Structure formats: structure tokens, C-alpha cells
C-alpha atoms as a PDB file:
ATOM      1  CA  MET A   1      -8.229 -10.832   9.501  1.00  0.00           C
ATOM      2  CA  ILE A   2     -10.919  -8.559  11.295  1.00  0.00           C
ATOM      3  CA  ILE A   3     -14.076  -7.935   9.486  1.00  0.00           C
ATOM      4  CA  VAL A   4     -15.621  -4.400  10.378  1.00  0.00           C
ATOM      5  CA  ALA A   5     -18.714  -2.505  10.007  1.00  0.00           C
ATOM      6  CA  LEU A   6     -18.406   1.060   9.776  1.00  0.00           C
ATOM      7  CA  THR A   7     -22.060   2.146   9.950  1.00  0.00           C
ATOM      8  CA  GLY A   8     -24.070   5.443  11.195  1.00  0.00           C
ATOM      9  CA  GLY A   9     -27.456   7.241  10.177  1.00  0.00           C
ATOM     10  CA  ILE A  10     -27.686   9.277   7.153  1.00  0.00           C
ATOM     11  CA  GLY A  11     -25.698  12.624   7.745  1.00  0.00           C
ATOM     12  CA  SER A  12     -23.497  11.388  10.438  1.00  0.00           C
ATOM     13  CA  GLY A  13     -20.228  11.706   8.393  1.00  0.00           C
ATOM     14  CA  LYS A  14     -19.606   7.634   7.797  1.00  0.00           C
ATOM     15  CA  THR A  15     -17.211   9.017   4.623  1.00  0.00           C
ATOM     16  CA  THR A  16     -15.489  11.326   6.662  1.00  0.00           C
ATOM     17  CA  VAL A  17     -14.273   8.712   9.387  1.00  0.00           C
ATOM     18  CA  ALA A  18     -13.860   5.955   6.636  1.00  0.00           C
ATOM     19  CA  ASN A  19     -11.153   8.311   4.636  1.00  0.00           C
ATOM     20  CA  MET A  20      -9.731   8.716   7.901  1.00  0.00           C
ATOM     21  CA  PHE A  21      -9.013   4.937   8.394  1.00  0.00           C
ATOM     22  CA  LYS A  22      -7.959   4.950   4.974  1.00  0.00           C
ATOM     23  CA  ASN A  23      -5.143   7.529   5.477  1.00  0.00           C
ATOM     24  CA  LEU A  24      -4.118   5.218   8.095  1.00  0.00           C
ATOM     25  CA  GLY A  25      -3.872   2.548   5.683  1.00  0.00           C
ATOM     26  CA  VAL A  26      -7.236   0.496   6.258  1.00  0.00           C
ATOM     27  CA  PRO A  27      -8.762  -0.901   2.910  1.00  0.00           C
ATOM     28  CA  VAL A  28     -12.427   0.417   3.144  1.00  0.00           C
ATOM     29  CA  TYR A  29     -15.075  -1.036   0.782  1.00  0.00           C
ATOM     30  CA  ASP A  30     -17.922   1.485  -0.012  1.00  0.00           C
ATOM     31  CA  SER A  31     -20.929  -0.393  -0.055  1.00  0.00           C
ATOM     32  CA  ASP A  32     -23.223   2.201  -1.029  1.00  0.00           C
ATOM     33  CA  LYS A  33     -20.821   3.024  -4.483  1.00  0.00           C
ATOM     34  CA  GLU A  34     -20.450  -0.978  -4.801  1.00  0.00           C
ATOM     35  CA  ALA A  35     -23.836  -1.334  -4.672  1.00  0.00           C
ATOM     36  CA  LYS A  36     -24.839   1.117  -7.385  1.00  0.00           C
ATOM     37  CA  ASN A  37     -21.677  -0.506  -9.739  1.00  0.00           C
ATOM     38  CA  LEU A  38     -22.947  -4.179  -9.337  1.00  0.00           C
ATOM     39  CA  MET A  39     -27.104  -2.507  -9.916  1.00  0.00           C
ATOM     40  CA  MET A  40     -25.532  -1.125 -13.084  1.00  0.00           C
ATOM     41  CA  SER A  41     -23.068  -4.130 -14.353  1.00  0.00           C
ATOM     42  CA  SER A  42     -24.641  -6.901 -13.106  1.00  0.00           C
ATOM     43  CA  LYS A  43     -27.633  -8.259 -15.649  1.00  0.00           C
ATOM     44  CA  LYS A  44     -29.170 -10.617 -13.159  1.00  0.00           C
ATOM     45  CA  LEU A  45     -29.547  -7.609 -10.816  1.00  0.00           C
ATOM     46  CA  ARG A  46     -30.862  -5.342 -13.349  1.00  0.00           C
ATOM     47  CA  LYS A  47     -33.418  -7.782 -14.616  1.00  0.00           C
ATOM     48  CA  ASP A  48     -34.654  -8.173 -10.739  1.00  0.00           C
ATOM     49  CA  ILE A  49     -34.895  -4.687  -9.965  1.00  0.00           C
ATOM     50  CA  LYS A  50     -36.742  -4.031 -13.183  1.00  0.00           C
ATOM     51  CA  ALA A  51     -39.068  -6.933 -12.080  1.00  0.00           C
ATOM     52  CA  LEU A  52     -39.593  -4.893  -8.598  1.00  0.00           C
ATOM     53  CA  LEU A  53     -39.834  -1.597  -9.479  1.00  0.00           C
ATOM     54  CA  GLY A  54     -40.786  -1.650 -13.304  1.00  0.00           C
ATOM     55  CA  ASP A  55     -38.708  -0.499 -16.321  1.00  0.00           C
ATOM     56  CA  LEU A  56     -38.158   3.121 -15.285  1.00  0.00           C
ATOM     57  CA  ALA A  57     -35.700   2.096 -12.548  1.00  0.00           C
ATOM     58  CA  TYR A  58     -33.207   2.648 -15.570  1.00  0.00           C
ATOM     59  CA  LYS A  59     -32.772   5.259 -17.938  1.00  0.00           C
ATOM     60  CA  ASP A  60     -30.730   4.824 -21.331  1.00  0.00           C
ATOM     61  CA  LYS A  61     -29.242   1.789 -19.121  1.00  0.00           C
ATOM     62  CA  THR A  62     -28.161   4.128 -16.197  1.00  0.00           C
ATOM     63  CA  LEU A  63     -29.849   3.379 -12.745  1.00  0.00           C
ATOM     64  CA  ASN A  64     -32.274   6.202 -12.347  1.00  0.00           C
ATOM     65  CA  ARG A  65     -31.684   6.841  -8.763  1.00  0.00           C
ATOM     66  CA  GLU A  66     -34.189   9.589  -8.227  1.00  0.00           C
ATOM     67  CA  TYR A  67     -37.175   7.209  -9.246  1.00  0.00           C
ATOM     68  CA  ILE A  68     -35.833   4.354  -7.051  1.00  0.00           C
ATOM     69  CA  ALA A  69     -35.837   6.763  -4.206  1.00  0.00           C
ATOM     70  CA  LYS A  70     -38.820   7.934  -4.533  1.00  0.00           C
ATOM     71  CA  LYS A  71     -40.464   4.850  -4.643  1.00  0.00           C
ATOM     72  CA  VAL A  72     -38.837   2.840  -1.878  1.00  0.00           C
ATOM     73  CA  PHE A  73     -38.416   5.828   0.385  1.00  0.00           C
ATOM     74  CA  LYS A  74     -42.255   6.156   0.767  1.00  0.00           C
ATOM     75  CA  ASP A  75     -42.759   2.518   0.855  1.00  0.00           C
ATOM     76  CA  LYS A  76     -40.789   0.353   3.989  1.00  0.00           C
ATOM     77  CA  GLY A  77     -41.952  -3.191   2.271  1.00  0.00           C
ATOM     78  CA  LEU A  78     -40.608  -2.143  -1.263  1.00  0.00           C
ATOM     79  CA  LEU A  79     -37.405  -0.843   0.546  1.00  0.00           C
ATOM     80  CA  LYS A  80     -36.933  -4.384   2.108  1.00  0.00           C
ATOM     81  CA  GLN A  81     -37.571  -5.993  -1.070  1.00  0.00           C
ATOM     82  CA  LEU A  82     -35.006  -3.966  -2.862  1.00  0.00           C
ATOM     83  CA  ASN A  83     -32.642  -4.601  -0.003  1.00  0.00           C
ATOM     84  CA  GLU A  84     -32.723  -8.259  -0.469  1.00  0.00           C
ATOM     85  CA  ILE A  85     -32.333  -8.228  -4.082  1.00  0.00           C
ATOM     86  CA  VAL A  86     -29.187  -6.020  -3.557  1.00  0.00           C
ATOM     87  CA  HIS A  87     -27.632  -6.650  -0.226  1.00  0.00           C
ATOM     88  CA  PRO A  88     -26.558 -10.532  -1.195  1.00  0.00           C
ATOM     89  CA  ALA A  89     -24.923  -9.301  -4.288  1.00  0.00           C
ATOM     90  CA  VAL A  90     -22.877  -6.673  -2.435  1.00  0.00           C
ATOM     91  CA  ARG A  91     -21.735  -9.256   0.498  1.00  0.00           C
ATOM     92  CA  LYS A  92     -20.405 -11.919  -1.773  1.00  0.00           C
ATOM     93  CA  ASP A  93     -18.740  -9.007  -3.813  1.00  0.00           C
ATOM     94  CA  PHE A  94     -17.430  -7.636  -0.429  1.00  0.00           C
ATOM     95  CA  LEU A  95     -15.947 -11.115   0.778  1.00  0.00           C
ATOM     96  CA  LYS A  96     -14.295 -11.381  -2.608  1.00  0.00           C
ATOM     97  CA  TRP A  97     -12.661  -8.324  -1.720  1.00  0.00           C
ATOM     98  CA  ALA A  98     -11.781  -8.661   1.579  1.00  0.00           C
ATOM     99  CA  LYS A  99     -10.141 -11.610   0.625  1.00  0.00           C
ATOM    100  CA  LYS A 100      -7.374  -9.911  -1.575  1.00  0.00           C
ATOM    101  CA  GLN A 101      -6.554  -7.363   1.303  1.00  0.00           C
ATOM    102  CA  GLY A 102      -3.173  -8.307   3.101  1.00  0.00           C
ATOM    103  CA  THR A 103      -4.289  -5.894   6.048  1.00  0.00           C
ATOM    104  CA  ALA A 104      -4.888  -7.256   9.900  1.00  0.00           C
ATOM    105  CA  TYR A 105      -8.261  -5.820   9.397  1.00  0.00           C
ATOM    106  CA  VAL A 106     -10.823  -4.498   6.605  1.00  0.00           C
ATOM    107  CA  ILE A 107     -13.975  -1.736   7.209  1.00  0.00           C
ATOM    108  CA  GLN A 108     -16.807  -2.597   5.065  1.00  0.00           C
ATOM    109  CA  GLU A 109     -18.491   1.051   5.161  1.00  0.00           C
ATOM    110  CA  SER A 110     -22.407   0.351   4.842  1.00  0.00           C
ATOM    111  CA  ALA A 111     -25.387   2.539   6.348  1.00  0.00           C
ATOM    112  CA  ILE A 112     -28.020  -0.087   7.106  1.00  0.00           C
ATOM    113  CA  VAL A 113     -25.791  -2.673   8.983  1.00  0.00           C
ATOM    114  CA  PHE A 114     -28.373  -2.755  11.869  1.00  0.00           C
ATOM    115  CA  GLU A 115     -31.650  -2.231   9.673  1.00  0.00           C
ATOM    116  CA  ASN A 116     -31.041  -5.350   7.585  1.00  0.00           C
ATOM    117  CA  LYS A 117     -29.825  -6.938  10.856  1.00  0.00           C
ATOM    118  CA  GLN A 118     -26.048  -7.864   9.502  1.00  0.00           C
ATOM    119  CA  GLU A 119     -24.688  -7.288  12.535  1.00  0.00           C
ATOM    120  CA  ASP A 120     -23.587 -11.042  12.861  1.00  0.00           C
ATOM    121  CA  PHE A 121     -21.695 -10.925   9.413  1.00  0.00           C
ATOM    122  CA  TYR A 122     -19.045  -8.932  11.543  1.00  0.00           C
ATOM    123  CA  ASP A 123     -16.150  -9.285  14.249  1.00  0.00           C
ATOM    124  CA  LYS A 124     -16.398  -5.569  15.070  1.00  0.00           C
ATOM    125  CA  ILE A 125     -18.843  -2.710  14.508  1.00  0.00           C
ATOM    126  CA  ILE A 126     -17.690   1.011  14.658  1.00  0.00           C
ATOM    127  CA  LEU A 127     -20.627   3.428  14.745  1.00  0.00           C
ATOM    128  CA  VAL A 128     -20.500   6.901  13.519  1.00  0.00           C
ATOM    129  CA  THR A 129     -22.979   9.340  15.525  1.00  0.00           C
ATOM    130  CA  ALA A 130     -23.975  13.051  15.444  1.00  0.00           C
ATOM    131  CA  PRO A 131     -26.871  15.342  16.526  1.00  0.00           C
ATOM    132  CA  GLN A 132     -29.893  14.842  14.394  1.00  0.00           C
ATOM    133  CA  GLU A 133     -29.845  18.806  13.871  1.00  0.00           C
ATOM    134  CA  ILE A 134     -25.897  18.375  12.375  1.00  0.00           C
ATOM    135  CA  ARG A 135     -26.813  15.614  10.474  1.00  0.00           C
ATOM    136  CA  LEU A 136     -29.598  17.608   8.776  1.00  0.00           C
ATOM    137  CA  GLU A 137     -27.675  20.527   7.998  1.00  0.00           C
ATOM    138  CA  ARG A 138     -24.688  18.232   6.496  1.00  0.00           C
ATOM    139  CA  VAL A 139     -27.218  16.590   4.041  1.00  0.00           C
ATOM    140  CA  ILE A 140     -28.960  19.512   2.922  1.00  0.00           C
ATOM    141  CA  GLU A 141     -25.798  21.035   2.080  1.00  0.00           C
ATOM    142  CA  ARG A 142     -24.315  17.936   0.576  1.00  0.00           C
ATOM    143  CA  ASP A 143     -27.136  16.718  -1.391  1.00  0.00           C
ATOM    144  CA  ASN A 144     -29.006  20.223  -2.126  1.00  0.00           C
ATOM    145  CA  VAL A 145     -32.492  18.160  -0.527  1.00  0.00           C
ATOM    146  CA  SER A 146     -35.226  19.108   1.429  1.00  0.00           C
ATOM    147  CA  LYS A 147     -35.722  18.660   5.335  1.00  0.00           C
ATOM    148  CA  SER A 148     -39.128  16.275   4.584  1.00  0.00           C
ATOM    149  CA  LYS A 149     -36.850  13.930   2.066  1.00  0.00           C
ATOM    150  CA  ILE A 150     -33.844  13.610   4.999  1.00  0.00           C
ATOM    151  CA  MET A 151     -36.425  12.718   7.217  1.00  0.00           C
ATOM    152  CA  ASP A 152     -38.237  10.442   5.190  1.00  0.00           C
ATOM    153  CA  ARG A 153     -34.646   8.284   5.079  1.00  0.00           C
ATOM    154  CA  MET A 154     -33.887   8.857   8.824  1.00  0.00           C
ATOM    155  CA  SER A 155     -37.571   7.171   9.359  1.00  0.00           C
ATOM    156  CA  ASN A 156     -36.078   4.123   7.803  1.00  0.00           C
ATOM    157  CA  GLN A 157     -33.086   3.957   9.816  1.00  0.00           C
ATOM    158  CA  LEU A 158     -32.759   3.016  13.726  1.00  0.00           C
ATOM    159  CA  ASP A 159     -32.278   5.659  16.396  1.00  0.00           C
ATOM    160  CA  ASP A 160     -28.720   6.223  17.715  1.00  0.00           C
ATOM    161  CA  GLU A 161     -29.533   4.784  20.498  1.00  0.00           C
ATOM    162  CA  ASP A 162     -30.371   1.197  19.864  1.00  0.00           C
ATOM    163  CA  LYS A 163     -27.382   0.840  17.390  1.00  0.00           C
ATOM    164  CA  ILE A 164     -25.119   2.072  20.572  1.00  0.00           C
ATOM    165  CA  LYS A 165     -25.923  -0.846  22.551  1.00  0.00           C
ATOM    166  CA  MET A 166     -25.156  -3.105  19.358  1.00  0.00           C
ATOM    167  CA  SER A 167     -21.810  -1.266  18.446  1.00  0.00           C
ATOM    168  CA  ASP A 168     -18.396  -2.141  19.881  1.00  0.00           C
ATOM    169  CA  TYR A 169     -16.927   1.282  19.329  1.00  0.00           C
ATOM    170  CA  VAL A 170     -18.428   4.782  19.021  1.00  0.00           C
ATOM    171  CA  ILE A 171     -17.155   7.434  17.263  1.00  0.00           C
ATOM    172  CA  ASP A 172     -19.071  10.908  18.113  1.00  0.00           C
ATOM    173  CA  ASN A 173     -18.301  12.736  14.681  1.00  0.00           C
ATOM    174  CA  ILE A 174     -18.662  16.532  15.699  1.00  0.00           C
ATOM    175  CA  THR A 175     -15.417  18.099  15.170  1.00  0.00           C
ATOM    176  CA  LEU A 176     -12.673  16.574  12.629  1.00  0.00           C
ATOM    177  CA  ASN A 177     -10.143  16.596  15.476  1.00  0.00           C
ATOM    178  CA  GLU A 178     -11.678  14.587  17.930  1.00  0.00           C
ATOM    179  CA  THR A 179     -12.881  12.942  15.442  1.00  0.00           C
ATOM    180  CA  ARG A 180      -9.390  11.968  13.962  1.00  0.00           C
ATOM    181  CA  SER A 181      -8.411  11.203  17.413  1.00  0.00           C
ATOM    182  CA  LYS A 182     -10.861   8.635  18.296  1.00  0.00           C
ATOM    183  CA  VAL A 183     -10.150   6.789  14.962  1.00  0.00           C
ATOM    184  CA  LYS A 184      -6.242   6.390  15.464  1.00  0.00           C
ATOM    185  CA  GLU A 185      -7.938   5.209  19.468  1.00  0.00           C
ATOM    186  CA  VAL A 186     -10.331   2.659  17.703  1.00  0.00           C
ATOM    187  CA  HIS A 187      -7.564   1.936  14.969  1.00  0.00           C
ATOM    188  CA  GLY A 188      -5.050   1.127  17.643  1.00  0.00           C
ATOM    189  CA  LEU A 189      -7.318  -1.119  19.540  1.00  0.00           C
ATOM    190  CA  LEU A 190      -8.584  -3.185  16.181  1.00  0.00           C
ATOM    191  CA  LEU A 191      -4.533  -3.875  15.440  1.00  0.00           C
ATOM    192  CA  LYS A 192      -4.362  -4.898  18.963  1.00  0.00           C
ATOM    193  CA  ASP A 193      -7.489  -7.537  18.541  1.00  0.00           C
ATOM    194  CA  SER A 194      -6.099  -8.472  15.211  1.00  0.00           C
ATOM    195  CA  GLY A 195      -2.628  -9.613  17.083  1.00  0.00           C
ATOM    196  CA  VAL A 196      -0.766  -7.405  14.893  1.00  0.00           C
END
């Protein structure tokens, strides 16, 4: 089984692309969603996160996402420490999940593969890209947040030019039809690589 990363900057359309792969029967692990689940369900993670960010990181036993985002997106050191707590737990959970899939390849959707120097964890890496203006529009519309908040998050991610050099496949996600056709092409290449 081939282990594939699906990555891309905020607003690039990773989830759209992930859904296209799902429609082709490929199991996709959503790291962001699973990280939030683990941050809620794991007593050890809760304890470590509170030790790092304070008791306000949780509100009525629920993850206080706004508080956490406010703290970590302005402080790269804090963000790095939080990632060092959460990412090993997500990695372990992903590997456990991957073993249960009976497919030629599985995808782990993760926004910060390169930023966390995790590229060696994967056999192949798919990068989803889109021009910055389109990405900004998408996130403003999706999350109803200010441009400056999005720019804060973008500043914590590598530029696409750097990521392209380290990726096996690049899907430029501007129009759905072109994206769908590129996904099918990459799917075919991955099946071929897996020997199916």
C-alpha cells in the first residue's frame, strides 16, 4: 500500500480535491478533523495542551479553537510546540487507520506536511495550489474571517514555489472540471505505481 500526503496552503481547496479522491473510492484521512477529535478525546493531549496554553484552551470540556488560534498564529514558537504535542498522536492514529484499509493507496490530508518536515513519512506527495487572491476569497467566504487573520495563517505556511519542488504531483485547483480531470490522472498514476 502506498501512503500519500495531500497538502496545500489554506484556501487551496484540499478538501475539494480530497472529496474527488473519495469519489474514486480512495480512503482519505482528514488530519485536521482527527486532530480536533484527539485533542478532545485524549486525556494526555488535553493535559499537555492545557500545560502549554493554559486552562482557557478548553471551554466546558470543548476545545476553545478561537482562543488557541489567537495564541498560536501570532507566535511561531508556540505553534511549533503545539504541533509537537498533537502531530505525533495524529501520526499514530493515521497509521492505525491506514492498516485497516484494503486499498492500493491511502491519502492523509494535511495542511502542513512540509512545515513540519514530515515529507519523509510519505511515498508520494500531492500538492494542491491556487493563486493567493482566489485562496483569500475562498477562506473569507468559507470562514467569515478578516483578510489579516488569513494572512497570519498564510505566513506560517511555506510558499507554493518551495512546496512544488518537493511534491510528486501538483493539482492547480482553479476550475472544478480541470481539477477533476487532474485528480483522475493522478489516481491512475498512483494505481500504476502501486502495481494494481
